[in-house]
Amino acid sequence: MLNQRLEIRGSVRFHWDNARGRVVRLESKIDFLTAMLRLLGGLADVARVFDRSLITLEGNLVAKDDDVSEHATKVTPLDVVNDS
């Protein structure tokens, strides 16, 4: 993954407070999953990269002392069933 360029789609939502005349909250969402699938080719590899990561697939940062599993979206590859 070193020296790779990722194009990642995302959005930022500003919450405006008319009474205060300012932005009071900022929400961002990032689609790391699509970009990482494009780069790595499979869910198993994406899951491996984000396992214990300090950033979730939605782009949320996780404090180093927090339990990452509480914040992260689980990416688990589906079992392949062979019907032959």
N, C-alpha and C. Protein backbone atom coordinates (compact mmCIF):
# COMPACT_ATOMS: atom_id res chain seq x y z
N MET A 1 0.80 -1.19 0.00
CA MET A 1 0.00 0.00 0.00
C MET A 1 0.85 1.26 0.00
N LEU A 2 2.11 1.13 0.30
CA LEU A 2 2.98 2.31 0.31
C LEU A 2 3.03 2.94 -1.07
N ASN A 3 3.04 4.25 -1.09
CA ASN A 3 3.13 5.04 -2.32
C ASN A 3 1.96 4.83 -3.26
N GLN A 4 0.83 4.34 -2.74
CA GLN A 4 -0.37 4.19 -3.55
C GLN A 4 -1.25 5.42 -3.34
N ARG A 5 -1.96 5.79 -4.39
CA ARG A 5 -2.87 6.93 -4.31
C ARG A 5 -4.29 6.39 -4.28
N LEU A 6 -5.07 6.84 -3.31
CA LEU A 6 -6.45 6.43 -3.19
C LEU A 6 -7.37 7.59 -3.53
N GLU A 7 -8.37 7.32 -4.34
CA GLU A 7 -9.43 8.30 -4.57
C GLU A 7 -10.62 7.83 -3.77
N ILE A 8 -11.00 8.64 -2.79
CA ILE A 8 -12.03 8.24 -1.84
C ILE A 8 -13.17 9.25 -1.87
N ARG A 9 -14.38 8.74 -2.03
CA ARG A 9 -15.56 9.60 -2.00
C ARG A 9 -15.97 9.84 -0.55
N GLY A 10 -16.51 11.01 -0.32
CA GLY A 10 -16.94 11.33 1.03
C GLY A 10 -17.84 12.55 1.04
N SER A 11 -18.33 12.88 2.21
CA SER A 11 -19.18 14.05 2.36
C SER A 11 -18.91 14.69 3.72
N VAL A 12 -19.18 15.98 3.78
CA VAL A 12 -19.07 16.72 5.03
C VAL A 12 -20.38 17.47 5.23
N ARG A 13 -20.93 17.35 6.42
CA ARG A 13 -22.20 18.00 6.73
C ARG A 13 -21.95 19.03 7.83
N PHE A 14 -22.35 20.26 7.56
CA PHE A 14 -22.21 21.35 8.52
C PHE A 14 -23.56 21.58 9.19
N HIS A 15 -23.58 21.65 10.51
CA HIS A 15 -24.81 21.95 11.25
C HIS A 15 -24.72 23.40 11.73
N TRP A 16 -25.62 24.21 11.19
CA TRP A 16 -25.61 25.63 11.47
C TRP A 16 -26.61 25.95 12.58
N ASP A 17 -26.21 26.78 13.52
CA ASP A 17 -27.08 27.24 14.59
C ASP A 17 -27.41 28.70 14.31
N ASN A 18 -28.66 28.96 13.94
CA ASN A 18 -29.07 30.33 13.62
C ASN A 18 -28.95 31.27 14.82
N ALA A 19 -29.26 30.77 16.00
CA ALA A 19 -29.20 31.61 17.20
C ALA A 19 -27.77 32.07 17.50
N ARG A 20 -26.82 31.20 17.28
CA ARG A 20 -25.42 31.53 17.54
C ARG A 20 -24.71 32.12 16.33
N GLY A 21 -25.28 31.91 15.16
CA GLY A 21 -24.67 32.43 13.94
C GLY A 21 -23.37 31.74 13.57
N ARG A 22 -23.32 30.44 13.83
CA ARG A 22 -22.09 29.70 13.51
C ARG A 22 -22.37 28.21 13.35
N VAL A 23 -21.36 27.54 12.84
CA VAL A 23 -21.42 26.09 12.72
C VAL A 23 -21.19 25.51 14.11
N VAL A 24 -22.07 24.59 14.52
CA VAL A 24 -21.94 24.00 15.85
C VAL A 24 -21.53 22.53 15.80
N ARG A 25 -21.62 21.93 14.63
CA ARG A 25 -21.20 20.53 14.51
C ARG A 25 -20.82 20.24 13.07
N LEU A 26 -19.88 19.37 12.93
CA LEU A 26 -19.38 18.96 11.62
C LEU A 26 -19.40 17.43 11.58
N GLU A 27 -20.01 16.85 10.57
CA GLU A 27 -20.04 15.39 10.42
C GLU A 27 -19.42 15.04 9.08
N SER A 28 -18.52 14.09 9.10
CA SER A 28 -17.92 13.66 7.83
C SER A 28 -18.11 12.16 7.67
N LYS A 29 -18.28 11.75 6.44
CA LYS A 29 -18.37 10.33 6.11
C LYS A 29 -17.46 10.08 4.92
N ILE A 30 -16.69 9.02 5.02
CA ILE A 30 -15.74 8.66 3.97
C ILE A 30 -15.98 7.21 3.60
N ASP A 31 -15.94 6.92 2.31
CA ASP A 31 -16.14 5.55 1.84
C ASP A 31 -14.79 4.88 1.58
N PHE A 32 -14.14 4.46 2.66
CA PHE A 32 -12.87 3.75 2.51
C PHE A 32 -13.06 2.38 1.87
N LEU A 33 -14.20 1.75 2.10
CA LEU A 33 -14.41 0.37 1.64
C LEU A 33 -14.24 0.25 0.14
N THR A 34 -14.90 1.08 -0.63
CA THR A 34 -14.82 0.99 -2.09
C THR A 34 -13.40 1.22 -2.58
N ALA A 35 -12.73 2.23 -2.03
CA ALA A 35 -11.36 2.53 -2.45
C ALA A 35 -10.41 1.39 -2.09
N MET A 36 -10.57 0.85 -0.91
CA MET A 36 -9.69 -0.24 -0.47
C MET A 36 -9.96 -1.52 -1.25
N LEU A 37 -11.22 -1.79 -1.58
CA LEU A 37 -11.53 -2.95 -2.42
C LEU A 37 -10.87 -2.81 -3.79
N ARG A 38 -10.92 -1.60 -4.33
CA ARG A 38 -10.29 -1.35 -5.63
C ARG A 38 -8.78 -1.59 -5.55
N LEU A 39 -8.17 -1.17 -4.46
CA LEU A 39 -6.73 -1.29 -4.30
C LEU A 39 -6.30 -2.73 -3.97
N LEU A 40 -7.01 -3.36 -3.06
CA LEU A 40 -6.58 -4.66 -2.54
C LEU A 40 -7.25 -5.86 -3.21
N GLY A 41 -8.44 -5.64 -3.78
CA GLY A 41 -9.09 -6.70 -4.55
C GLY A 41 -10.03 -7.62 -3.81
N GLY A 42 -10.06 -7.60 -2.48
CA GLY A 42 -10.96 -8.52 -1.79
C GLY A 42 -11.26 -8.10 -0.37
N LEU A 43 -12.41 -8.55 0.14
CA LEU A 43 -12.83 -8.20 1.49
C LEU A 43 -11.90 -8.74 2.56
N ALA A 44 -11.33 -9.92 2.33
CA ALA A 44 -10.43 -10.49 3.33
C ALA A 44 -9.22 -9.58 3.55
N ASP A 45 -8.69 -9.03 2.47
CA ASP A 45 -7.54 -8.13 2.60
C ASP A 45 -7.93 -6.80 3.24
N VAL A 46 -9.11 -6.29 2.89
CA VAL A 46 -9.59 -5.04 3.51
C VAL A 46 -9.79 -5.26 5.00
N ALA A 47 -10.39 -6.38 5.36
CA ALA A 47 -10.61 -6.69 6.78
C ALA A 47 -9.29 -6.77 7.53
N ARG A 48 -8.29 -7.35 6.90
CA ARG A 48 -6.98 -7.48 7.54
C ARG A 48 -6.36 -6.09 7.77
N VAL A 49 -6.49 -5.21 6.80
CA VAL A 49 -5.92 -3.86 6.92
C VAL A 49 -6.61 -3.07 8.03
N PHE A 50 -7.93 -3.19 8.14
CA PHE A 50 -8.67 -2.39 9.11
C PHE A 50 -8.79 -3.06 10.48
N ASP A 51 -8.35 -4.30 10.62
CA ASP A 51 -8.36 -4.97 11.91
C ASP A 51 -7.41 -4.23 12.85
N ARG A 52 -7.93 -3.74 13.97
CA ARG A 52 -7.16 -2.99 14.97
C ARG A 52 -6.69 -1.62 14.46
N SER A 53 -7.26 -1.15 13.36
CA SER A 53 -6.89 0.16 12.82
C SER A 53 -7.44 1.27 13.71
N LEU A 54 -6.81 2.41 13.69
CA LEU A 54 -7.28 3.55 14.47
C LEU A 54 -8.18 4.47 13.66
N ILE A 55 -8.65 3.97 12.52
CA ILE A 55 -9.63 4.68 11.72
C ILE A 55 -10.63 3.65 11.20
N THR A 56 -11.90 4.02 11.18
CA THR A 56 -12.94 3.10 10.72
C THR A 56 -13.12 3.24 9.21
N LEU A 57 -13.88 2.34 8.64
CA LEU A 57 -14.16 2.41 7.20
C LEU A 57 -14.95 3.66 6.83
N GLU A 58 -15.61 4.28 7.81
CA GLU A 58 -16.36 5.52 7.56
C GLU A 58 -15.49 6.76 7.77
N GLY A 59 -14.24 6.55 8.17
CA GLY A 59 -13.32 7.67 8.36
C GLY A 59 -13.31 8.24 9.76
N ASN A 60 -13.95 7.58 10.71
CA ASN A 60 -13.94 8.06 12.09
C ASN A 60 -12.64 7.64 12.76
N LEU A 61 -12.05 8.57 13.49
CA LEU A 61 -10.82 8.27 14.22
C LEU A 61 -11.16 7.61 15.55
N VAL A 62 -10.33 6.67 15.96
CA VAL A 62 -10.52 5.96 17.21
C VAL A 62 -9.34 6.29 18.12
N ALA A 63 -9.64 6.67 19.36
CA ALA A 63 -8.56 6.97 20.31
C ALA A 63 -7.74 5.71 20.54
N LYS A 64 -6.46 5.88 20.67
CA LYS A 64 -5.54 4.74 20.79
C LYS A 64 -5.89 3.84 21.97
N ASP A 65 -6.39 4.41 23.06
CA ASP A 65 -6.71 3.62 24.25
C ASP A 65 -8.10 2.98 24.19
N ASP A 66 -8.93 3.39 23.23
CA ASP A 66 -10.27 2.81 23.09
C ASP A 66 -10.19 1.41 22.53
N ASP A 67 -11.24 0.63 22.79
CA ASP A 67 -11.37 -0.68 22.17
C ASP A 67 -11.83 -0.45 20.74
N VAL A 68 -10.98 -0.73 19.79
CA VAL A 68 -11.27 -0.48 18.38
C VAL A 68 -12.54 -1.19 17.96
N SER A 69 -12.81 -2.37 18.48
CA SER A 69 -13.97 -3.15 18.05
C SER A 69 -15.28 -2.45 18.38
N GLU A 70 -15.30 -1.53 19.34
CA GLU A 70 -16.51 -0.80 19.67
C GLU A 70 -16.87 0.21 18.59
N HIS A 71 -15.91 0.69 17.84
CA HIS A 71 -16.12 1.77 16.89
C HIS A 71 -16.14 1.30 15.44
N ALA A 72 -15.48 0.22 15.17
CA ALA A 72 -15.24 -0.19 13.79
C ALA A 72 -16.43 -0.92 13.20
N THR A 73 -16.63 -0.70 11.92
CA THR A 73 -17.58 -1.50 11.17
C THR A 73 -16.91 -2.81 10.85
N LYS A 74 -17.60 -3.88 11.13
CA LYS A 74 -17.02 -5.19 10.88
C LYS A 74 -17.05 -5.50 9.39
N VAL A 75 -15.93 -5.89 8.86
CA VAL A 75 -15.84 -6.35 7.47
C VAL A 75 -15.38 -7.79 7.54
N THR A 76 -16.28 -8.68 7.23
CA THR A 76 -15.96 -10.09 7.29
C THR A 76 -16.27 -10.70 5.93
N PRO A 77 -15.30 -11.34 5.31
CA PRO A 77 -15.56 -11.95 4.02
C PRO A 77 -16.59 -13.07 4.16
N LEU A 78 -17.45 -13.18 3.17
CA LEU A 78 -18.46 -14.22 3.17
C LEU A 78 -17.82 -15.56 2.87
N ASP A 79 -18.35 -16.60 3.50
CA ASP A 79 -17.87 -17.95 3.19
C ASP A 79 -18.36 -18.32 1.80
N VAL A 80 -17.50 -18.92 1.03
CA VAL A 80 -17.87 -19.36 -0.32
C VAL A 80 -18.38 -20.79 -0.21
N VAL A 81 -19.58 -21.01 -0.75
CA VAL A 81 -20.18 -22.34 -0.71
C VAL A 81 -20.04 -22.97 -2.07
N ASN A 82 -19.49 -24.16 -2.11
CA ASN A 82 -19.32 -24.88 -3.37
C ASN A 82 -20.44 -25.90 -3.47
N ASP A 83 -21.35 -25.72 -4.43
CA ASP A 83 -22.51 -26.59 -4.59
C ASP A 83 -22.27 -27.76 -5.52
N SER A 84 -21.05 -28.02 -5.92
CA SER A 84 -20.82 -29.09 -6.88
C SER A 84 -20.73 -30.44 -6.23
